[in-house]
């Protein structure tokens, strides 16, 4: 994941585009594209992928230490982020991620975000 320098930080919601729906919605693969800021960006290359299962906020305090150690390596219900560094059809490079956290009781799905642009 080295060799790139962040040029813009966004953390903006995006709509992921999949040519075929992912088999596991809460553990998705790299999307085929995304819709952001009124524009569609098609992924032409997935450069890298990684996961972060760190518990944040109140979720960091609601688990026994021995269980938290296991969860930090594979995730737990509604905890974790799946990151993708992608090159898109405009030749820009972005880090995007899927956050598994439930945002509210009416929307139990996670959310996709555009984290940053790199060069």
PDB file of N, CA and C in Angstrom:
ATOM      1  N   UNK A   1       0.820  -1.189   0.000  1.00  0.00           N
ATOM      2  CA  UNK A   1       0.000   0.000   0.000  1.00  0.00           C
ATOM      3  C   UNK A   1       0.863   1.251   0.000  1.00  0.00           C
ATOM      4  N   UNK A   2       2.105   1.133  -0.333  1.00  0.00           N
ATOM      5  CA  UNK A   2       2.986   2.288  -0.365  1.00  0.00           C
ATOM      6  C   UNK A   2       3.146   2.781  -1.791  1.00  0.00           C
ATOM      7  N   UNK A   3       3.829   3.913  -1.926  1.00  0.00           N
ATOM      8  CA  UNK A   3       4.087   4.440  -3.245  1.00  0.00           C
ATOM      9  C   UNK A   3       3.085   5.471  -3.709  1.00  0.00           C
ATOM     10  N   UNK A   4       2.036   5.686  -2.956  1.00  0.00           N
ATOM     11  CA  UNK A   4       1.029   6.669  -3.316  1.00  0.00           C
ATOM     12  C   UNK A   4       0.939   7.733  -2.233  1.00  0.00           C
ATOM     13  N   UNK A   5       0.670   8.960  -2.653  1.00  0.00           N
ATOM     14  CA  UNK A   5       0.537  10.073  -1.725  1.00  0.00           C
ATOM     15  C   UNK A   5      -0.902  10.578  -1.754  1.00  0.00           C
ATOM     16  N   UNK A   6      -1.552  10.708  -0.595  1.00  0.00           N
ATOM     17  CA  UNK A   6      -2.906  11.272  -0.579  1.00  0.00           C
ATOM     18  C   UNK A   6      -2.894  12.728  -1.046  1.00  0.00           C
ATOM     19  N   UNK A   7      -3.835  13.069  -1.925  1.00  0.00           N
ATOM     20  CA  UNK A   7      -3.953  14.451  -2.391  1.00  0.00           C
ATOM     21  C   UNK A   7      -5.261  15.104  -1.951  1.00  0.00           C
ATOM     22  N   UNK A   8      -6.284  14.298  -1.686  1.00  0.00           N
ATOM     23  CA  UNK A   8      -7.569  14.803  -1.193  1.00  0.00           C
ATOM     24  C   UNK A   8      -8.181  13.775  -0.257  1.00  0.00           C
ATOM     25  N   UNK A   9      -8.713  14.239   0.854  1.00  0.00           N
ATOM     26  CA  UNK A   9      -9.470  13.384   1.770  1.00  0.00           C
ATOM     27  C   UNK A   9     -10.933  13.774   1.664  1.00  0.00           C
ATOM     28  N   UNK A  10     -11.812  12.770   1.528  1.00  0.00           N
ATOM     29  CA  UNK A  10     -13.234  13.035   1.341  1.00  0.00           C
ATOM     30  C   UNK A  10     -14.096  12.443   2.449  1.00  0.00           C
ATOM     31  N   UNK A  11     -14.037  11.137   2.624  1.00  0.00           N
ATOM     32  CA  UNK A  11     -14.937  10.401   3.510  1.00  0.00           C
ATOM     33  C   UNK A  11     -16.402  10.702   3.178  1.00  0.00           C
ATOM     34  N   UNK A  12     -16.691  10.729   1.884  1.00  0.00           N
ATOM     35  CA  UNK A  12     -18.039  10.997   1.371  1.00  0.00           C
ATOM     36  C   UNK A  12     -18.755   9.683   1.058  1.00  0.00           C
ATOM     37  N   UNK A  13     -20.054   9.624   1.315  1.00  0.00           N
ATOM     38  CA  UNK A  13     -20.823   8.441   0.912  1.00  0.00           C
ATOM     39  C   UNK A  13     -20.826   8.299  -0.612  1.00  0.00           C
ATOM     40  N   UNK A  14     -20.765   7.052  -1.072  1.00  0.00           N
ATOM     41  CA  UNK A  14     -20.854   6.749  -2.497  1.00  0.00           C
ATOM     42  C   UNK A  14     -21.843   5.604  -2.677  1.00  0.00           C
ATOM     43  N   UNK A  15     -22.275   5.418  -3.899  1.00  0.00           N
ATOM     44  CA  UNK A  15     -23.115   4.267  -4.229  1.00  0.00           C
ATOM     45  C   UNK A  15     -22.263   3.295  -5.026  1.00  0.00           C
ATOM     46  N   UNK A  16     -22.018   2.121  -4.469  1.00  0.00           N
ATOM     47  CA  UNK A  16     -21.209   1.110  -5.155  1.00  0.00           C
ATOM     48  C   UNK A  16     -22.003   0.499  -6.301  1.00  0.00           C
ATOM     49  N   UNK A  17     -21.313   0.190  -7.388  1.00  0.00           N
ATOM     50  CA  UNK A  17     -21.917  -0.432  -8.561  1.00  0.00           C
ATOM     51  C   UNK A  17     -21.290  -1.819  -8.737  1.00  0.00           C
ATOM     52  N   UNK A  18     -22.137  -2.824  -8.779  1.00  0.00           N
ATOM     53  CA  UNK A  18     -21.692  -4.196  -9.008  1.00  0.00           C
ATOM     54  C   UNK A  18     -22.361  -4.718 -10.275  1.00  0.00           C
ATOM     55  N   UNK A  19     -21.568  -5.307 -11.156  1.00  0.00           N
ATOM     56  CA  UNK A  19     -22.152  -5.919 -12.351  1.00  0.00           C
ATOM     57  C   UNK A  19     -22.992  -7.126 -11.963  1.00  0.00           C
ATOM     58  N   UNK A  20     -22.577  -7.822 -10.896  1.00  0.00           N
ATOM     59  CA  UNK A  20     -23.353  -8.909 -10.301  1.00  0.00           C
ATOM     60  C   UNK A  20     -23.398  -8.665  -8.803  1.00  0.00           C
ATOM     61  N   UNK A  21     -24.556  -8.801  -8.168  1.00  0.00           N
ATOM     62  CA  UNK A  21     -24.647  -8.556  -6.723  1.00  0.00           C
ATOM     63  C   UNK A  21     -23.673  -9.442  -5.948  1.00  0.00           C
ATOM     64  N   UNK A  22     -23.022  -8.881  -4.918  1.00  0.00           N
ATOM     65  CA  UNK A  22     -22.091  -9.701  -4.114  1.00  0.00           C
ATOM     66  C   UNK A  22     -22.815 -10.824  -3.395  1.00  0.00           C
ATOM     67  N   UNK A  23     -22.138 -11.967  -3.277  1.00  0.00           N
ATOM     68  CA  UNK A  23     -22.710 -13.116  -2.575  1.00  0.00           C
ATOM     69  C   UNK A  23     -22.903 -12.806  -1.095  1.00  0.00           C
ATOM     70  N   UNK A  24     -21.955 -12.083  -0.511  1.00  0.00           N
ATOM     71  CA  UNK A  24     -22.033 -11.711   0.903  1.00  0.00           C
ATOM     72  C   UNK A  24     -22.039 -10.190   1.003  1.00  0.00           C
ATOM     73  N   UNK A  25     -23.192  -9.642   1.295  1.00  0.00           N
ATOM     74  CA  UNK A  25     -23.356  -8.196   1.317  1.00  0.00           C
ATOM     75  C   UNK A  25     -22.476  -7.503   2.362  1.00  0.00           C
ATOM     76  N   UNK A  26     -22.275  -8.145   3.516  1.00  0.00           N
ATOM     77  CA  UNK A  26     -21.492  -7.532   4.592  1.00  0.00           C
ATOM     78  C   UNK A  26     -19.993  -7.811   4.473  1.00  0.00           C
ATOM     79  N   UNK A  27     -19.583  -8.595   3.483  1.00  0.00           N
ATOM     80  CA  UNK A  27     -18.165  -8.852   3.181  1.00  0.00           C
ATOM     81  C   UNK A  27     -17.980  -8.765   1.669  1.00  0.00           C
ATOM     82  N   UNK A  28     -18.176  -7.581   1.102  1.00  0.00           N
ATOM     83  CA  UNK A  28     -18.233  -7.459  -0.350  1.00  0.00           C
ATOM     84  C   UNK A  28     -16.860  -7.486  -1.020  1.00  0.00           C
ATOM     85  N   UNK A  29     -16.867  -7.872  -2.289  1.00  0.00           N
ATOM     86  CA  UNK A  29     -15.648  -7.748  -3.093  1.00  0.00           C
ATOM     87  C   UNK A  29     -15.513  -6.303  -3.585  1.00  0.00           C
ATOM     88  N   UNK A  30     -14.457  -6.041  -4.298  1.00  0.00           N
ATOM     89  CA  UNK A  30     -14.269  -4.716  -4.892  1.00  0.00           C
ATOM     90  C   UNK A  30     -15.411  -4.458  -5.879  1.00  0.00           C
ATOM     91  N   UNK A  31     -16.036  -3.284  -5.801  1.00  0.00           N
ATOM     92  CA  UNK A  31     -17.106  -2.987  -6.750  1.00  0.00           C
ATOM     93  C   UNK A  31     -16.549  -2.748  -8.158  1.00  0.00           C
ATOM     94  N   UNK A  32     -17.426  -2.809  -9.146  1.00  0.00           N
ATOM     95  CA  UNK A  32     -17.045  -2.550 -10.533  1.00  0.00           C
ATOM     96  C   UNK A  32     -17.033  -1.061 -10.849  1.00  0.00           C
ATOM     97  N   UNK A  33     -17.560  -0.285  -9.928  1.00  0.00           N
ATOM     98  CA  UNK A  33     -17.589   1.162 -10.097  1.00  0.00           C
ATOM     99  C   UNK A  33     -18.329   1.788  -8.934  1.00  0.00           C
ATOM    100  N   UNK A  34     -18.450   3.112  -8.989  1.00  0.00           N
ATOM    101  CA  UNK A  34     -19.216   3.808  -7.960  1.00  0.00           C
ATOM    102  C   UNK A  34     -19.734   5.137  -8.500  1.00  0.00           C
ATOM    103  N   UNK A  35     -20.811   5.584  -7.892  1.00  0.00           N
ATOM    104  CA  UNK A  35     -21.442   6.847  -8.238  1.00  0.00           C
ATOM    105  C   UNK A  35     -21.132   7.827  -7.125  1.00  0.00           C
ATOM    106  N   UNK A  36     -20.528   8.966  -7.487  1.00  0.00           N
ATOM    107  CA  UNK A  36     -20.159   9.979  -6.497  1.00  0.00           C
ATOM    108  C   UNK A  36     -20.184  11.351  -7.149  1.00  0.00           C
ATOM    109  N   UNK A  37     -20.743  12.300  -6.442  1.00  0.00           N
ATOM    110  CA  UNK A  37     -20.715  13.698  -6.868  1.00  0.00           C
ATOM    111  C   UNK A  37     -21.312  13.873  -8.274  1.00  0.00           C
ATOM    112  N   UNK A  38     -22.375  13.119  -8.551  1.00  0.00           N
ATOM    113  CA  UNK A  38     -23.060  13.231  -9.837  1.00  0.00           C
ATOM    114  C   UNK A  38     -22.367  12.547 -10.998  1.00  0.00           C
ATOM    115  N   UNK A  39     -21.374  11.719 -10.722  1.00  0.00           N
ATOM    116  CA  UNK A  39     -20.590  11.083 -11.784  1.00  0.00           C
ATOM    117  C   UNK A  39     -20.389   9.599 -11.490  1.00  0.00           C
ATOM    118  N   UNK A  40     -20.348   8.806 -12.561  1.00  0.00           N
ATOM    119  CA  UNK A  40     -20.051   7.382 -12.430  1.00  0.00           C
ATOM    120  C   UNK A  40     -18.566   7.166 -12.720  1.00  0.00           C
ATOM    121  N   UNK A  41     -17.910   6.444 -11.816  1.00  0.00           N
ATOM    122  CA  UNK A  41     -16.511   6.071 -11.972  1.00  0.00           C
ATOM    123  C   UNK A  41     -16.458   4.548 -12.118  1.00  0.00           C
ATOM    124  N   UNK A  42     -15.927   4.063 -13.226  1.00  0.00           N
ATOM    125  CA  UNK A  42     -15.784   2.620 -13.442  1.00  0.00           C
ATOM    126  C   UNK A  42     -14.394   2.194 -12.988  1.00  0.00           C
ATOM    127  N   UNK A  43     -14.334   1.136 -12.196  1.00  0.00           N
ATOM    128  CA  UNK A  43     -13.056   0.603 -11.732  1.00  0.00           C
ATOM    129  C   UNK A  43     -12.425  -0.171 -12.882  1.00  0.00           C
ATOM    130  N   UNK A  44     -11.203   0.235 -13.263  1.00  0.00           N
ATOM    131  CA  UNK A  44     -10.499  -0.490 -14.316  1.00  0.00           C
ATOM    132  C   UNK A  44      -9.424  -1.412 -13.734  1.00  0.00           C
ATOM    133  N   UNK A  45      -9.047  -1.159 -12.460  1.00  0.00           N
ATOM    134  CA  UNK A  45      -8.068  -2.022 -11.821  1.00  0.00           C
ATOM    135  C   UNK A  45      -8.181  -1.907 -10.304  1.00  0.00           C
ATOM    136  N   UNK A  46      -8.211  -3.054  -9.631  1.00  0.00           N
ATOM    137  CA  UNK A  46      -8.137  -3.086  -8.175  1.00  0.00           C
ATOM    138  C   UNK A  46      -6.659  -3.222  -7.823  1.00  0.00           C
ATOM    139  N   UNK A  47      -6.086  -2.216  -7.165  1.00  0.00           N
ATOM    140  CA  UNK A  47      -4.653  -2.190  -6.873  1.00  0.00           C
ATOM    141  C   UNK A  47      -4.313  -2.922  -5.574  1.00  0.00           C
ATOM    142  N   UNK A  48      -5.207  -2.835  -4.589  1.00  0.00           N
ATOM    143  CA  UNK A  48      -4.996  -3.567  -3.336  1.00  0.00           C
ATOM    144  C   UNK A  48      -6.293  -3.592  -2.542  1.00  0.00           C
ATOM    145  N   UNK A  49      -6.335  -4.526  -1.590  1.00  0.00           N
ATOM    146  CA  UNK A  49      -7.503  -4.683  -0.710  1.00  0.00           C
ATOM    147  C   UNK A  49      -7.000  -5.008   0.680  1.00  0.00           C
ATOM    148  N   UNK A  50      -7.694  -4.498   1.702  1.00  0.00           N
ATOM    149  CA  UNK A  50      -7.362  -4.846   3.075  1.00  0.00           C
ATOM    150  C   UNK A  50      -8.590  -4.614   3.951  1.00  0.00           C
ATOM    151  N   UNK A  51      -8.573  -5.223   5.123  1.00  0.00           N
ATOM    152  CA  UNK A  51      -9.691  -5.098   6.062  1.00  0.00           C
ATOM    153  C   UNK A  51      -9.179  -4.544   7.385  1.00  0.00           C
ATOM    154  N   UNK A  52     -10.055  -3.834   8.068  1.00  0.00           N
ATOM    155  CA  UNK A  52      -9.757  -3.274   9.387  1.00  0.00           C
ATOM    156  C   UNK A  52     -10.952  -3.631  10.276  1.00  0.00           C
ATOM    157  N   UNK A  53     -10.704  -4.474  11.292  1.00  0.00           N
ATOM    158  CA  UNK A  53     -11.785  -4.911  12.169  1.00  0.00           C
ATOM    159  C   UNK A  53     -11.711  -4.250  13.542  1.00  0.00           C
ATOM    160  N   UNK A  54     -11.068  -3.098  13.613  1.00  0.00           N
ATOM    161  CA  UNK A  54     -10.968  -2.356  14.871  1.00  0.00           C
ATOM    162  C   UNK A  54     -12.357  -1.909  15.313  1.00  0.00           C
ATOM    163  N   UNK A  55     -12.622  -2.100  16.585  1.00  0.00           N
ATOM    164  CA  UNK A  55     -13.898  -1.669  17.157  1.00  0.00           C
ATOM    165  C   UNK A  55     -13.789  -0.197  17.518  1.00  0.00           C
ATOM    166  N   UNK A  56     -14.755   0.592  17.095  1.00  0.00           N
ATOM    167  CA  UNK A  56     -14.717   2.037  17.292  1.00  0.00           C
ATOM    168  C   UNK A  56     -15.859   2.498  18.189  1.00  0.00           C
ATOM    169  N   UNK A  57     -15.628   3.631  18.866  1.00  0.00           N
ATOM    170  CA  UNK A  57     -16.674   4.237  19.682  1.00  0.00           C
ATOM    171  C   UNK A  57     -17.165   3.309  20.774  1.00  0.00           C
ATOM    172  N   UNK A  58     -18.490   3.290  20.985  1.00  0.00           N
ATOM    173  CA  UNK A  58     -19.051   2.467  22.060  1.00  0.00           C
ATOM    174  C   UNK A  58     -18.842   0.976  21.809  1.00  0.00           C
ATOM    175  N   UNK A  59     -18.653   0.595  20.535  1.00  0.00           N
ATOM    176  CA  UNK A  59     -18.398  -0.814  20.211  1.00  0.00           C
ATOM    177  C   UNK A  59     -17.047  -1.274  20.762  1.00  0.00           C
ATOM    178  N   UNK A  60     -16.132  -0.345  21.016  1.00  0.00           N
ATOM    179  CA  UNK A  60     -14.802  -0.699  21.528  1.00  0.00           C
ATOM    180  C   UNK A  60     -14.854  -1.140  22.982  1.00  0.00           C
ATOM    181  N   UNK A  61     -15.934  -0.817  23.672  1.00  0.00           N
ATOM    182  CA  UNK A  61     -16.023  -1.103  25.100  1.00  0.00           C
ATOM    183  C   UNK A  61     -17.046  -2.173  25.455  1.00  0.00           C
ATOM    184  N   UNK A  62     -17.683  -2.793  24.483  1.00  0.00           N
ATOM    185  CA  UNK A  62     -18.786  -3.700  24.806  1.00  0.00           C
ATOM    186  C   UNK A  62     -18.442  -5.183  24.630  1.00  0.00           C
ATOM    187  N   UNK A  63     -17.149  -5.532  24.708  1.00  0.00           N
ATOM    188  CA  UNK A  63     -16.775  -6.923  24.490  1.00  0.00           C
ATOM    189  C   UNK A  63     -15.666  -7.312  25.468  1.00  0.00           C
ATOM    190  N   UNK A  64     -15.736  -8.534  25.952  1.00  0.00           N
ATOM    191  CA  UNK A  64     -14.687  -9.032  26.839  1.00  0.00           C
ATOM    192  C   UNK A  64     -13.365  -9.110  26.075  1.00  0.00           C
ATOM    193  N   UNK A  65     -12.231  -8.838  26.768  1.00  0.00           N
ATOM    194  CA  UNK A  65     -10.926  -8.781  26.082  1.00  0.00           C
ATOM    195  C   UNK A  65     -10.580 -10.013  25.252  1.00  0.00           C
ATOM    196  N   UNK A  66     -10.875 -11.208  25.758  1.00  0.00           N
ATOM    197  CA  UNK A  66     -10.530 -12.407  24.989  1.00  0.00           C
ATOM    198  C   UNK A  66     -11.346 -12.522  23.704  1.00  0.00           C
ATOM    199  N   UNK A  67     -12.594 -12.075  23.742  1.00  0.00           N
ATOM    200  CA  UNK A  67     -13.424 -12.080  22.538  1.00  0.00           C
ATOM    201  C   UNK A  67     -13.011 -10.960  21.591  1.00  0.00           C
ATOM    202  N   UNK A  68     -12.612  -9.826  22.150  1.00  0.00           N
ATOM    203  CA  UNK A  68     -12.173  -8.694  21.330  1.00  0.00           C
ATOM    204  C   UNK A  68     -10.933  -9.053  20.527  1.00  0.00           C
ATOM    205  N   UNK A  69     -10.044  -9.861  21.105  1.00  0.00           N
ATOM    206  CA  UNK A  69      -8.829 -10.269  20.396  1.00  0.00           C
ATOM    207  C   UNK A  69      -9.169 -11.094  19.156  1.00  0.00           C
ATOM    208  N   UNK A  70     -10.117 -12.006  19.291  1.00  0.00           N
ATOM    209  CA  UNK A  70     -10.546 -12.820  18.150  1.00  0.00           C
ATOM    210  C   UNK A  70     -11.257 -11.946  17.118  1.00  0.00           C
ATOM    211  N   UNK A  71     -12.137 -11.078  17.574  1.00  0.00           N
ATOM    212  CA  UNK A  71     -12.900 -10.217  16.675  1.00  0.00           C
ATOM    213  C   UNK A  71     -11.997  -9.270  15.886  1.00  0.00           C
ATOM    214  N   UNK A  72     -10.874  -8.857  16.472  1.00  0.00           N
ATOM    215  CA  UNK A  72      -9.985  -7.924  15.778  1.00  0.00           C
ATOM    216  C   UNK A  72      -9.321  -8.547  14.556  1.00  0.00           C
ATOM    217  N   UNK A  73      -9.298  -9.870  14.483  1.00  0.00           N
ATOM    218  CA  UNK A  73      -8.676 -10.523  13.332  1.00  0.00           C
ATOM    219  C   UNK A  73      -9.677 -10.942  12.260  1.00  0.00           C
ATOM    220  N   UNK A  74     -10.953 -11.090  12.631  1.00  0.00           N
ATOM    221  CA  UNK A  74     -11.922 -11.537  11.622  1.00  0.00           C
ATOM    222  C   UNK A  74     -13.223 -10.749  11.621  1.00  0.00           C
ATOM    223  N   UNK A  75     -13.358  -9.817  12.554  1.00  0.00           N
ATOM    224  CA  UNK A  75     -14.567  -9.000  12.596  1.00  0.00           C
ATOM    225  C   UNK A  75     -15.651  -9.622  13.441  1.00  0.00           C
ATOM    226  N   UNK A  76     -16.663  -8.848  13.702  1.00  0.00           N
ATOM    227  CA  UNK A  76     -17.836  -9.323  14.421  1.00  0.00           C
ATOM    228  C   UNK A  76     -19.040  -8.579  13.864  1.00  0.00           C
ATOM    229  N   UNK A  77     -20.203  -8.912  14.348  1.00  0.00           N
ATOM    230  CA  UNK A  77     -21.442  -8.351  13.804  1.00  0.00           C
ATOM    231  C   UNK A  77     -21.376  -6.837  13.708  1.00  0.00           C
ATOM    232  N   UNK A  78     -21.524  -6.324  12.505  1.00  0.00           N
ATOM    233  CA  UNK A  78     -21.588  -4.888  12.219  1.00  0.00           C
ATOM    234  C   UNK A  78     -20.313  -4.120  12.537  1.00  0.00           C
ATOM    235  N   UNK A  79     -19.195  -4.803  12.674  1.00  0.00           N
ATOM    236  CA  UNK A  79     -17.921  -4.149  12.938  1.00  0.00           C
ATOM    237  C   UNK A  79     -16.941  -4.521  11.843  1.00  0.00           C
ATOM    238  N   UNK A  80     -16.304  -3.549  11.275  1.00  0.00           N
ATOM    239  CA  UNK A  80     -15.270  -3.799  10.283  1.00  0.00           C
ATOM    240  C   UNK A  80     -15.435  -2.948   9.042  1.00  0.00           C
ATOM    241  N   UNK A  81     -14.312  -2.736   8.412  1.00  0.00           N
ATOM    242  CA  UNK A  81     -14.281  -1.994   7.162  1.00  0.00           C
ATOM    243  C   UNK A  81     -13.448  -2.781   6.152  1.00  0.00           C
ATOM    244  N   UNK A  82     -13.928  -2.790   4.917  1.00  0.00           N
ATOM    245  CA  UNK A  82     -13.227  -3.431   3.815  1.00  0.00           C
ATOM    246  C   UNK A  82     -12.769  -2.332   2.860  1.00  0.00           C
ATOM    247  N   UNK A  83     -11.462  -2.189   2.721  1.00  0.00           N
ATOM    248  CA  UNK A  83     -10.864  -1.129   1.909  1.00  0.00           C
ATOM    249  C   UNK A  83     -10.424  -1.652   0.554  1.00  0.00           C
ATOM    250  N   UNK A  84     -10.536  -0.780  -0.450  1.00  0.00           N
ATOM    251  CA  UNK A  84     -10.123  -1.108  -1.806  1.00  0.00           C
ATOM    252  C   UNK A  84      -9.414   0.099  -2.397  1.00  0.00           C
ATOM    253  N   UNK A  85      -8.207  -0.109  -2.878  1.00  0.00           N
ATOM    254  CA  UNK A  85      -7.500   0.935  -3.628  1.00  0.00           C
ATOM    255  C   UNK A  85      -7.738   0.623  -5.092  1.00  0.00           C
ATOM    256  N   UNK A  86      -8.354   1.569  -5.797  1.00  0.00           N
ATOM    257  CA  UNK A  86      -8.776   1.323  -7.171  1.00  0.00           C
ATOM    258  C   UNK A  86      -8.297   2.413  -8.121  1.00  0.00           C
ATOM    259  N   UNK A  87      -8.074   1.986  -9.349  1.00  0.00           N
ATOM    260  CA  UNK A  87      -7.821   2.922 -10.441  1.00  0.00           C
ATOM    261  C   UNK A  87      -9.096   2.955 -11.263  1.00  0.00           C
ATOM    262  N   UNK A  88      -9.577   4.146 -11.565  1.00  0.00           N
ATOM    263  CA  UNK A  88     -10.849   4.278 -12.284  1.00  0.00           C
ATOM    264  C   UNK A  88     -10.607   4.758 -13.712  1.00  0.00           C
ATOM    265  N   UNK A  89     -11.674   4.767 -14.501  1.00  0.00           N
ATOM    266  CA  UNK A  89     -11.580   5.079 -15.924  1.00  0.00           C
ATOM    267  C   UNK A  89     -11.101   6.495 -16.228  1.00  0.00           C
ATOM    268  N   UNK A  90     -11.063   7.372 -15.248  1.00  0.00           N
ATOM    269  CA  UNK A  90     -10.520   8.723 -15.440  1.00  0.00           C
ATOM    270  C   UNK A  90      -9.025   8.757 -15.099  1.00  0.00           C
ATOM    271  N   UNK A  91      -8.443   7.575 -14.833  1.00  0.00           N
ATOM    272  CA  UNK A  91      -7.048   7.401 -14.419  1.00  0.00           C
ATOM    273  C   UNK A  91      -6.752   7.943 -13.027  1.00  0.00           C
ATOM    274  N   UNK A  92      -7.765   8.235 -12.246  1.00  0.00           N
ATOM    275  CA  UNK A  92      -7.574   8.632 -10.857  1.00  0.00           C
ATOM    276  C   UNK A  92      -7.447   7.384  -9.995  1.00  0.00           C
ATOM    277  N   UNK A  93      -6.791   7.527  -8.865  1.00  0.00           N
ATOM    278  CA  UNK A  93      -6.641   6.433  -7.916  1.00  0.00           C
ATOM    279  C   UNK A  93      -7.326   6.848  -6.618  1.00  0.00           C
ATOM    280  N   UNK A  94      -8.222   5.988  -6.145  1.00  0.00           N
ATOM    281  CA  UNK A  94      -8.988   6.272  -4.939  1.00  0.00           C
ATOM    282  C   UNK A  94      -8.881   5.114  -3.955  1.00  0.00           C
ATOM    283  N   UNK A  95      -8.993   5.432  -2.682  1.00  0.00           N
ATOM    284  CA  UNK A  95      -9.259   4.436  -1.653  1.00  0.00           C
ATOM    285  C   UNK A  95     -10.736   4.576  -1.317  1.00  0.00           C
ATOM    286  N   UNK A  96     -11.467   3.469  -1.440  1.00  0.00           N
ATOM    287  CA  UNK A  96     -12.876   3.430  -1.066  1.00  0.00           C
ATOM    288  C   UNK A  96     -13.019   2.343  -0.013  1.00  0.00           C
ATOM    289  N   UNK A  97     -14.090   2.414   0.763  1.00  0.00           N
ATOM    290  CA  UNK A  97     -14.291   1.344   1.737  1.00  0.00           C
ATOM    291  C   UNK A  97     -15.764   1.127   2.030  1.00  0.00           C
ATOM    292  N   UNK A  98     -16.025  -0.106   2.489  1.00  0.00           N
ATOM    293  CA  UNK A  98     -17.351  -0.487   2.939  1.00  0.00           C
ATOM    294  C   UNK A  98     -17.296  -0.595   4.449  1.00  0.00           C
ATOM    295  N   UNK A  99     -18.135   0.180   5.133  1.00  0.00           N
ATOM    296  CA  UNK A  99     -18.217   0.164   6.595  1.00  0.00           C
ATOM    297  C   UNK A  99     -19.438  -0.668   6.971  1.00  0.00           C
ATOM    298  N   UNK A 100     -19.206  -1.775   7.705  1.00  0.00           N
ATOM    299  CA  UNK A 100     -20.296  -2.692   8.063  1.00  0.00           C
ATOM    300  C   UNK A 100     -21.212  -2.167   9.160  1.00  0.00           C
ATOM    301  N   UNK A 101     -20.856  -1.075   9.805  1.00  0.00           N
ATOM    302  CA  UNK A 101     -21.649  -0.576  10.937  1.00  0.00           C
ATOM    303  C   UNK A 101     -23.061  -0.191  10.501  1.00  0.00           C
ATOM    304  N   UNK A 102     -24.022  -0.548  11.336  1.00  0.00           N
ATOM    305  CA  UNK A 102     -25.411  -0.150  11.121  1.00  0.00           C
ATOM    306  C   UNK A 102     -25.532   1.333  11.447  1.00  0.00           C
ATOM    307  N   UNK A 103     -26.126   2.088  10.547  1.00  0.00           N
ATOM    308  CA  UNK A 103     -26.259   3.535  10.763  1.00  0.00           C
ATOM    309  C   UNK A 103     -27.484   3.874  11.614  1.00  0.00           C
ATOM    310  N   UNK A 104     -28.572   3.142  11.427  1.00  0.00           N
ATOM    311  CA  UNK A 104     -29.773   3.354  12.240  1.00  0.00           C
ATOM    312  C   UNK A 104     -30.667   2.124  12.122  1.00  0.00           C
ATOM    313  N   UNK A 105     -31.722   2.073  12.922  1.00  0.00           N
ATOM    314  CA  UNK A 105     -32.586   0.884  12.942  1.00  0.00           C
ATOM    315  C   UNK A 105     -33.337   0.675  11.633  1.00  0.00           C
ATOM    316  N   UNK A 106     -33.532   1.738  10.868  1.00  0.00           N
ATOM    317  CA  UNK A 106     -34.235   1.618   9.593  1.00  0.00           C
ATOM    318  C   UNK A 106     -33.313   1.191   8.452  1.00  0.00           C
ATOM    319  N   UNK A 107     -32.014   1.372   8.643  1.00  0.00           N
ATOM    320  CA  UNK A 107     -31.035   1.019   7.614  1.00  0.00           C
ATOM    321  C   UNK A 107     -29.966   0.145   8.244  1.00  0.00           C
ATOM    322  N   UNK A 108     -30.157  -1.172   8.144  1.00  0.00           N
ATOM    323  CA  UNK A 108     -29.243  -2.112   8.794  1.00  0.00           C
ATOM    324  C   UNK A 108     -28.064  -2.499   7.906  1.00  0.00           C
ATOM    325  N   UNK A 109     -28.066  -2.000   6.696  1.00  0.00           N
ATOM    326  CA  UNK A 109     -26.937  -2.280   5.813  1.00  0.00           C
ATOM    327  C   UNK A 109     -25.809  -1.320   6.161  1.00  0.00           C
ATOM    328  N   UNK A 110     -24.615  -1.695   5.790  1.00  0.00           N
ATOM    329  CA  UNK A 110     -23.488  -0.793   5.960  1.00  0.00           C
ATOM    330  C   UNK A 110     -23.518   0.279   4.889  1.00  0.00           C
ATOM    331  N   UNK A 111     -22.397   0.967   4.765  1.00  0.00           N
ATOM    332  CA  UNK A 111     -22.367   2.026   3.773  1.00  0.00           C
ATOM    333  C   UNK A 111     -20.990   2.095   3.109  1.00  0.00           C
ATOM    334  N   UNK A 112     -21.004   2.472   1.838  1.00  0.00           N
ATOM    335  CA  UNK A 112     -19.796   2.669   1.063  1.00  0.00           C
ATOM    336  C   UNK A 112     -19.364   4.118   1.155  1.00  0.00           C
ATOM    337  N   UNK A 113     -18.042   4.325   1.258  1.00  0.00           N
ATOM    338  CA  UNK A 113     -17.503   5.685   1.328  1.00  0.00           C
ATOM    339  C   UNK A 113     -16.266   5.832   0.452  1.00  0.00           C
ATOM    340  N   UNK A 114     -16.126   7.028  -0.094  1.00  0.00           N
ATOM    341  CA  UNK A 114     -14.909   7.405  -0.795  1.00  0.00           C
ATOM    342  C   UNK A 114     -14.005   8.030   0.257  1.00  0.00           C
ATOM    343  N   UNK A 115     -12.904   7.365   0.576  1.00  0.00           N
ATOM    344  CA  UNK A 115     -12.007   7.806   1.637  1.00  0.00           C
ATOM    345  C   UNK A 115     -11.082   8.928   1.151  1.00  0.00           C
ATOM    346  N   UNK A 116     -10.321   8.650   0.063  1.00  0.00           N
ATOM    347  CA  UNK A 116      -9.365   9.643  -0.399  1.00  0.00           C
ATOM    348  C   UNK A 116      -8.930   9.380  -1.837  1.00  0.00           C
ATOM    349  N   UNK A 117      -8.357  10.414  -2.429  1.00  0.00           N
ATOM    350  CA  UNK A 117      -7.740  10.304  -3.746  1.00  0.00           C
ATOM    351  C   UNK A 117      -6.235  10.333  -3.550  1.00  0.00           C
ATOM    352  N   UNK A 118      -5.542   9.544  -4.363  1.00  0.00           N
ATOM    353  CA  UNK A 118      -4.075   9.446  -4.245  1.00  0.00           C
ATOM    354  C   UNK A 118      -3.428   9.757  -5.588  1.00  0.00           C
ATOM    355  N   UNK A 119      -2.123  10.032  -5.510  1.00  0.00           N
ATOM    356  CA  UNK A 119      -1.358  10.173  -6.760  1.00  0.00           C
ATOM    357  C   UNK A 119      -0.054   9.427  -6.629  1.00  0.00           C
TER     358      UNK A 119
END
